[in-house]
Amino acid sequence: MAQTEQTSSTPAETATPPGVARQDLPHLPSGKDMWVFVLGDLVIFGGYFIIFMIYRHQQHALFLDSQRHLSITVGATNTLLLLTSSWFVARAVQSTRAGEGSRARRLTVLGGLCGVLFLLFKVYEWTSKISEGLTFPHNDFFMFYYMLTGVHVFHVALGLVFLGVVYNELRTRKAPRISMVETGATYWHMVDLLWVVIFALVYVMR
């Protein structure tokens, strides 16, 4: 009986001590500040998308005719680039958690290179549209096209800065802060998500 009492444990004894993280508890990557920033950005872009849909409904024929001037191949290529980039960055986070710093650095670089290729394709697309006379004031569709893709390009450029910070963290610290790596990854995934919606609305939807 005494042995049973000694080996049995009460809920208080099995509970996780204060300040000690349980490994099996759900983990929210990144910090709260980044999530506030990301959610705020998503709300702002959501407003842009709603306004775009209103204009599209009012000028449906014009928007359909203007969409014919965009290359869905270029748009799909850019989408594939960013999705691939997100995969690399997600794997970099996993490698960091596993203590594989060298592999995490390589994956972060590959994710960043995909982002750079995205920007190059976007510059090529803008240049070709401008040479055809399809500029910002051409009509309402191209006004939205340049506004949405332009603001997104700014986010991609900022995301590359974040990835640069992540790479520096992985390169200079023997024990990189996983929160820092997750913060950069969270922002980058948001950038990719925004592009998927832009691609669907501007290039694909008829």
C-alpha atoms as a PDB file:
ATOM      1  CA  MET A   1       0.000   0.000   0.000  1.00  0.00           C
ATOM      2  CA  ALA A   2       2.806   2.363   0.883  1.00  0.00           C
ATOM      3  CA  GLN A   3       4.536   1.507  -2.396  1.00  0.00           C
ATOM      4  CA  THR A   4       1.377   2.302  -4.317  1.00  0.00           C
ATOM      5  CA  GLU A   5       1.097   5.660  -2.612  1.00  0.00           C
ATOM      6  CA  GLN A   6       4.688   6.522  -3.466  1.00  0.00           C
ATOM      7  CA  THR A   7       4.496   5.577  -7.149  1.00  0.00           C
ATOM      8  CA  SER A   8       1.092   7.099  -7.813  1.00  0.00           C
ATOM      9  CA  SER A   9       1.062  10.703  -8.919  1.00  0.00           C
ATOM     10  CA  THR A  10      -1.510  13.408  -8.495  1.00  0.00           C
ATOM     11  CA  PRO A  11      -2.519  15.916 -11.200  1.00  0.00           C
ATOM     12  CA  ALA A  12      -0.511  18.546  -9.361  1.00  0.00           C
ATOM     13  CA  GLU A  13       2.621  16.423  -9.569  1.00  0.00           C
ATOM     14  CA  THR A  14       2.223  15.675 -13.316  1.00  0.00           C
ATOM     15  CA  ALA A  15       1.380  19.248 -14.276  1.00  0.00           C
ATOM     16  CA  THR A  16       3.976  21.248 -16.182  1.00  0.00           C
ATOM     17  CA  PRO A  17       5.937  23.470 -13.764  1.00  0.00           C
ATOM     18  CA  PRO A  18       5.472  27.222 -14.278  1.00  0.00           C
ATOM     19  CA  GLY A  19       7.815  28.660 -16.892  1.00  0.00           C
ATOM     20  CA  VAL A  20       8.576  25.266 -18.465  1.00  0.00           C
ATOM     21  CA  ALA A  21       7.275  24.790 -22.009  1.00  0.00           C
ATOM     22  CA  ARG A  22       5.443  21.555 -22.814  1.00  0.00           C
ATOM     23  CA  GLN A  23       6.817  20.067 -26.030  1.00  0.00           C
ATOM     24  CA  ASP A  24       3.460  18.589 -27.025  1.00  0.00           C
ATOM     25  CA  LEU A  25       1.544  21.860 -26.740  1.00  0.00           C
ATOM     26  CA  PRO A  26       0.611  23.677 -29.980  1.00  0.00           C
ATOM     27  CA  HIS A  27       3.294  26.173 -30.921  1.00  0.00           C
ATOM     28  CA  LEU A  28       2.469  29.497 -32.570  1.00  0.00           C
ATOM     29  CA  PRO A  29       5.504  30.395 -34.679  1.00  0.00           C
ATOM     30  CA  SER A  30       6.994  33.885 -34.571  1.00  0.00           C
ATOM     31  CA  GLY A  31       6.099  36.574 -32.059  1.00  0.00           C
ATOM     32  CA  LYS A  32       2.834  38.349 -31.337  1.00  0.00           C
ATOM     33  CA  ASP A  33       4.065  41.605 -32.872  1.00  0.00           C
ATOM     34  CA  MET A  34       4.652  39.951 -36.245  1.00  0.00           C
ATOM     35  CA  TRP A  35       1.214  38.342 -36.189  1.00  0.00           C
ATOM     36  CA  VAL A  36      -0.400  41.715 -35.456  1.00  0.00           C
ATOM     37  CA  PHE A  37       1.529  43.180 -38.399  1.00  0.00           C
ATOM     38  CA  VAL A  38       0.607  40.282 -40.698  1.00  0.00           C
ATOM     39  CA  LEU A  39      -3.076  40.328 -39.798  1.00  0.00           C
ATOM     40  CA  GLY A  40      -3.188  44.106 -40.239  1.00  0.00           C
ATOM     41  CA  ASP A  41      -1.603  43.763 -43.679  1.00  0.00           C
ATOM     42  CA  LEU A  42      -4.103  41.067 -44.642  1.00  0.00           C
ATOM     43  CA  VAL A  43      -6.990  43.327 -43.605  1.00  0.00           C
ATOM     44  CA  ILE A  44      -5.620  46.198 -45.725  1.00  0.00           C
ATOM     45  CA  PHE A  45      -5.144  43.963 -48.756  1.00  0.00           C
ATOM     46  CA  GLY A  46      -8.601  42.512 -48.146  1.00  0.00           C
ATOM     47  CA  GLY A  47      -9.963  46.048 -48.571  1.00  0.00           C
ATOM     48  CA  TYR A  48      -8.052  46.417 -51.850  1.00  0.00           C
ATOM     49  CA  PHE A  49      -9.476  43.117 -53.099  1.00  0.00           C
ATOM     50  CA  ILE A  50     -13.046  44.107 -52.234  1.00  0.00           C
ATOM     51  CA  ILE A  51     -12.691  47.440 -54.075  1.00  0.00           C
ATOM     52  CA  PHE A  52     -11.197  45.597 -57.061  1.00  0.00           C
ATOM     53  CA  MET A  53     -14.191  43.237 -57.128  1.00  0.00           C
ATOM     54  CA  ILE A  54     -16.635  46.171 -57.008  1.00  0.00           C
ATOM     55  CA  TYR A  55     -14.947  47.877 -59.966  1.00  0.00           C
ATOM     56  CA  ARG A  56     -14.757  44.573 -61.811  1.00  0.00           C
ATOM     57  CA  HIS A  57     -18.493  44.046 -61.363  1.00  0.00           C
ATOM     58  CA  GLN A  58     -19.224  47.555 -62.634  1.00  0.00           C
ATOM     59  CA  GLN A  59     -16.885  47.269 -65.666  1.00  0.00           C
ATOM     60  CA  HIS A  60     -16.953  43.565 -66.335  1.00  0.00           C
ATOM     61  CA  ALA A  61     -16.446  43.752 -70.111  1.00  0.00           C
ATOM     62  CA  LEU A  62     -13.519  46.186 -69.819  1.00  0.00           C
ATOM     63  CA  PHE A  63     -11.810  44.079 -67.167  1.00  0.00           C
ATOM     64  CA  LEU A  64     -12.205  40.905 -69.242  1.00  0.00           C
ATOM     65  CA  ASP A  65     -10.810  42.587 -72.335  1.00  0.00           C
ATOM     66  CA  SER A  66      -7.866  44.024 -70.374  1.00  0.00           C
ATOM     67  CA  GLN A  67      -7.041  40.646 -68.807  1.00  0.00           C
ATOM     68  CA  ARG A  68      -6.317  39.278 -72.294  1.00  0.00           C
ATOM     69  CA  HIS A  69      -3.186  41.463 -72.381  1.00  0.00           C
ATOM     70  CA  LEU A  70      -1.692  39.703 -69.363  1.00  0.00           C
ATOM     71  CA  SER A  71       0.327  36.507 -69.753  1.00  0.00           C
ATOM     72  CA  ILE A  72      -1.140  33.837 -67.511  1.00  0.00           C
ATOM     73  CA  THR A  73       2.074  31.868 -68.122  1.00  0.00           C
ATOM     74  CA  VAL A  74       4.169  34.618 -66.532  1.00  0.00           C
ATOM     75  CA  GLY A  75       1.675  34.896 -63.674  1.00  0.00           C
ATOM     76  CA  ALA A  76       1.690  31.131 -63.112  1.00  0.00           C
ATOM     77  CA  THR A  77       5.494  31.049 -63.235  1.00  0.00           C
ATOM     78  CA  ASN A  78       5.672  33.724 -60.565  1.00  0.00           C
ATOM     79  CA  THR A  79       3.146  31.803 -58.474  1.00  0.00           C
ATOM     80  CA  LEU A  80       5.224  28.638 -58.749  1.00  0.00           C
ATOM     81  CA  LEU A  81       8.362  30.571 -57.785  1.00  0.00           C
ATOM     82  CA  LEU A  82       6.812  31.954 -54.608  1.00  0.00           C
ATOM     83  CA  LEU A  83       5.229  28.634 -53.614  1.00  0.00           C
ATOM     84  CA  THR A  84       8.595  26.941 -54.085  1.00  0.00           C
ATOM     85  CA  SER A  85      10.213  29.716 -52.092  1.00  0.00           C
ATOM     86  CA  SER A  86       7.750  29.177 -49.243  1.00  0.00           C
ATOM     87  CA  TRP A  87       8.590  25.475 -49.246  1.00  0.00           C
ATOM     88  CA  PHE A  88      12.311  26.241 -48.956  1.00  0.00           C
ATOM     89  CA  VAL A  89      11.718  28.707 -46.116  1.00  0.00           C
ATOM     90  CA  ALA A  90       9.440  26.264 -44.258  1.00  0.00           C
ATOM     91  CA  ARG A  91      12.127  23.581 -44.539  1.00  0.00           C
ATOM     92  CA  ALA A  92      14.693  26.096 -43.281  1.00  0.00           C
ATOM     93  CA  VAL A  93      12.616  26.573 -40.120  1.00  0.00           C
ATOM     94  CA  GLN A  94      12.448  22.806 -39.617  1.00  0.00           C
ATOM     95  CA  SER A  95      16.202  22.494 -40.127  1.00  0.00           C
ATOM     96  CA  THR A  96      16.836  25.250 -37.588  1.00  0.00           C
ATOM     97  CA  ARG A  97      14.698  23.466 -35.018  1.00  0.00           C
ATOM     98  CA  ALA A  98      16.660  20.278 -35.705  1.00  0.00           C
ATOM     99  CA  GLY A  99      19.950  22.100 -35.159  1.00  0.00           C
ATOM    100  CA  GLU A 100      21.002  21.766 -38.812  1.00  0.00           C
ATOM    101  CA  GLY A 101      22.308  25.307 -39.251  1.00  0.00           C
ATOM    102  CA  SER A 102      24.216  24.731 -42.484  1.00  0.00           C
ATOM    103  CA  ARG A 103      21.199  23.173 -44.195  1.00  0.00           C
ATOM    104  CA  ALA A 104      18.933  25.956 -42.885  1.00  0.00           C
ATOM    105  CA  ARG A 105      21.237  28.569 -44.413  1.00  0.00           C
ATOM    106  CA  ARG A 106      21.196  26.859 -47.814  1.00  0.00           C
ATOM    107  CA  LEU A 107      17.408  26.584 -47.782  1.00  0.00           C
ATOM    108  CA  THR A 108      17.037  30.243 -46.786  1.00  0.00           C
ATOM    109  CA  VAL A 109      19.286  31.291 -49.678  1.00  0.00           C
ATOM    110  CA  LEU A 110      17.260  29.163 -52.112  1.00  0.00           C
ATOM    111  CA  GLY A 111      14.042  30.745 -50.841  1.00  0.00           C
ATOM    112  CA  GLY A 112      15.514  34.207 -51.325  1.00  0.00           C
ATOM    113  CA  LEU A 113      16.719  33.383 -54.849  1.00  0.00           C
ATOM    114  CA  CYS A 114      13.181  32.367 -55.805  1.00  0.00           C
ATOM    115  CA  GLY A 115      12.007  35.748 -54.509  1.00  0.00           C
ATOM    116  CA  VAL A 116      14.630  37.553 -56.612  1.00  0.00           C
ATOM    117  CA  LEU A 117      13.529  35.619 -59.705  1.00  0.00           C
ATOM    118  CA  PHE A 118       9.948  36.655 -58.954  1.00  0.00           C
ATOM    119  CA  LEU A 119      10.999  40.319 -58.967  1.00  0.00           C
ATOM    120  CA  LEU A 120      12.871  39.899 -62.256  1.00  0.00           C
ATOM    121  CA  PHE A 121       9.838  38.320 -63.917  1.00  0.00           C
ATOM    122  CA  LYS A 122       7.641  41.104 -62.565  1.00  0.00           C
ATOM    123  CA  VAL A 123       9.964  43.808 -63.935  1.00  0.00           C
ATOM    124  CA  TYR A 124       9.949  42.020 -67.308  1.00  0.00           C
ATOM    125  CA  GLU A 125       6.147  41.923 -67.271  1.00  0.00           C
ATOM    126  CA  TRP A 126       5.822  45.595 -66.321  1.00  0.00           C
ATOM    127  CA  THR A 127       8.305  46.609 -69.014  1.00  0.00           C
ATOM    128  CA  SER A 128       6.445  44.676 -71.693  1.00  0.00           C
ATOM    129  CA  LYS A 129       3.068  46.146 -70.689  1.00  0.00           C
ATOM    130  CA  ILE A 130       4.423  49.697 -70.619  1.00  0.00           C
ATOM    131  CA  SER A 131       5.997  49.231 -74.077  1.00  0.00           C
ATOM    132  CA  GLU A 132       2.533  48.266 -75.336  1.00  0.00           C
ATOM    133  CA  GLY A 133       1.099  51.506 -73.971  1.00  0.00           C
ATOM    134  CA  LEU A 134      -0.706  49.732 -71.124  1.00  0.00           C
ATOM    135  CA  THR A 135       0.313  52.123 -68.379  1.00  0.00           C
ATOM    136  CA  PHE A 136      -1.203  52.990 -64.993  1.00  0.00           C
ATOM    137  CA  PRO A 137      -3.754  55.533 -66.335  1.00  0.00           C
ATOM    138  CA  HIS A 138      -4.739  53.363 -69.339  1.00  0.00           C
ATOM    139  CA  ASN A 139      -7.951  52.190 -67.660  1.00  0.00           C
ATOM    140  CA  ASP A 140      -9.261  51.086 -64.264  1.00  0.00           C
ATOM    141  CA  PHE A 141      -8.091  47.506 -64.714  1.00  0.00           C
ATOM    142  CA  PHE A 142      -4.479  48.503 -65.259  1.00  0.00           C
ATOM    143  CA  MET A 143      -4.727  51.027 -62.461  1.00  0.00           C
ATOM    144  CA  PHE A 144      -5.506  48.120 -60.120  1.00  0.00           C
ATOM    145  CA  TYR A 145      -2.975  45.861 -61.837  1.00  0.00           C
ATOM    146  CA  TYR A 146      -0.070  48.244 -61.188  1.00  0.00           C
ATOM    147  CA  MET A 147      -1.297  49.200 -57.729  1.00  0.00           C
ATOM    148  CA  LEU A 148      -1.789  45.646 -56.455  1.00  0.00           C
ATOM    149  CA  THR A 149       1.344  44.194 -58.041  1.00  0.00           C
ATOM    150  CA  GLY A 150       3.380  47.285 -57.118  1.00  0.00           C
ATOM    151  CA  VAL A 151       2.434  47.174 -53.431  1.00  0.00           C
ATOM    152  CA  HIS A 152       3.073  43.439 -53.471  1.00  0.00           C
ATOM    153  CA  VAL A 153       6.528  43.921 -55.029  1.00  0.00           C
ATOM    154  CA  PHE A 154       7.348  46.256 -52.147  1.00  0.00           C
ATOM    155  CA  HIS A 155       6.332  43.489 -49.737  1.00  0.00           C
ATOM    156  CA  VAL A 156       8.486  40.962 -51.597  1.00  0.00           C
ATOM    157  CA  ALA A 157      11.485  43.313 -51.366  1.00  0.00           C
ATOM    158  CA  LEU A 158      10.848  43.789 -47.642  1.00  0.00           C
ATOM    159  CA  GLY A 159      10.479  40.027 -47.288  1.00  0.00           C
ATOM    160  CA  LEU A 160      13.908  39.545 -48.866  1.00  0.00           C
ATOM    161  CA  VAL A 161      15.322  41.893 -46.238  1.00  0.00           C
ATOM    162  CA  PHE A 162      13.715  39.705 -43.552  1.00  0.00           C
ATOM    163  CA  LEU A 163      15.254  36.600 -45.137  1.00  0.00           C
ATOM    164  CA  GLY A 164      18.607  38.384 -45.138  1.00  0.00           C
ATOM    165  CA  VAL A 165      18.240  38.981 -41.399  1.00  0.00           C
ATOM    166  CA  VAL A 166      17.335  35.310 -40.941  1.00  0.00           C
ATOM    167  CA  TYR A 167      20.407  34.230 -42.908  1.00  0.00           C
ATOM    168  CA  ASN A 168      22.615  36.490 -40.817  1.00  0.00           C
ATOM    169  CA  GLU A 169      21.114  34.994 -37.658  1.00  0.00           C
ATOM    170  CA  LEU A 170      21.864  31.490 -38.907  1.00  0.00           C
ATOM    171  CA  ARG A 171      25.380  32.425 -40.008  1.00  0.00           C
ATOM    172  CA  THR A 172      26.612  34.367 -37.000  1.00  0.00           C
ATOM    173  CA  ARG A 173      25.089  32.478 -34.060  1.00  0.00           C
ATOM    174  CA  LYS A 174      26.057  29.023 -32.910  1.00  0.00           C
ATOM    175  CA  ALA A 175      22.557  28.653 -31.458  1.00  0.00           C
ATOM    176  CA  PRO A 176      20.246  30.698 -33.719  1.00  0.00           C
ATOM    177  CA  ARG A 177      17.100  32.081 -32.142  1.00  0.00           C
ATOM    178  CA  ILE A 178      14.275  30.020 -33.587  1.00  0.00           C
ATOM    179  CA  SER A 179      11.848  32.894 -32.935  1.00  0.00           C
ATOM    180  CA  MET A 180      13.876  35.103 -35.280  1.00  0.00           C
ATOM    181  CA  VAL A 181      13.806  32.479 -38.039  1.00  0.00           C
ATOM    182  CA  GLU A 182      10.073  31.910 -37.551  1.00  0.00           C
ATOM    183  CA  THR A 183       9.377  35.645 -37.705  1.00  0.00           C
ATOM    184  CA  GLY A 184      11.029  35.965 -41.109  1.00  0.00           C
ATOM    185  CA  ALA A 185       9.248  32.832 -42.344  1.00  0.00           C
ATOM    186  CA  THR A 186       5.847  34.071 -41.148  1.00  0.00           C
ATOM    187  CA  TYR A 187       6.197  37.321 -43.066  1.00  0.00           C
ATOM    188  CA  TRP A 188       7.413  35.503 -46.184  1.00  0.00           C
ATOM    189  CA  HIS A 189       4.466  33.085 -46.146  1.00  0.00           C
ATOM    190  CA  MET A 190       2.089  36.067 -45.906  1.00  0.00           C
ATOM    191  CA  VAL A 191       3.735  37.614 -48.989  1.00  0.00           C
ATOM    192  CA  ASP A 192       3.223  34.362 -50.883  1.00  0.00           C
ATOM    193  CA  LEU A 193      -0.400  34.084 -49.779  1.00  0.00           C
ATOM    194  CA  LEU A 194      -1.131  37.608 -50.984  1.00  0.00           C
ATOM    195  CA  TRP A 195       0.323  36.815 -54.404  1.00  0.00           C
ATOM    196  CA  VAL A 196      -1.844  33.684 -54.771  1.00  0.00           C
ATOM    197  CA  VAL A 197      -4.944  35.847 -54.240  1.00  0.00           C
ATOM    198  CA  ILE A 198      -3.671  38.555 -56.626  1.00  0.00           C
ATOM    199  CA  PHE A 199      -2.916  35.934 -59.268  1.00  0.00           C
ATOM    200  CA  ALA A 200      -6.413  34.454 -58.915  1.00  0.00           C
ATOM    201  CA  LEU A 201      -8.176  37.832 -59.080  1.00  0.00           C
ATOM    202  CA  VAL A 202      -6.110  39.655 -61.703  1.00  0.00           C
ATOM    203  CA  TYR A 203      -4.949  36.866 -64.000  1.00  0.00           C
ATOM    204  CA  VAL A 204      -7.327  33.926 -63.692  1.00  0.00           C
ATOM    205  CA  MET A 205     -10.834  34.979 -62.691  1.00  0.00           C
ATOM    206  CA  ARG A 206     -13.166  35.568 -65.604  1.00  0.00           C
END
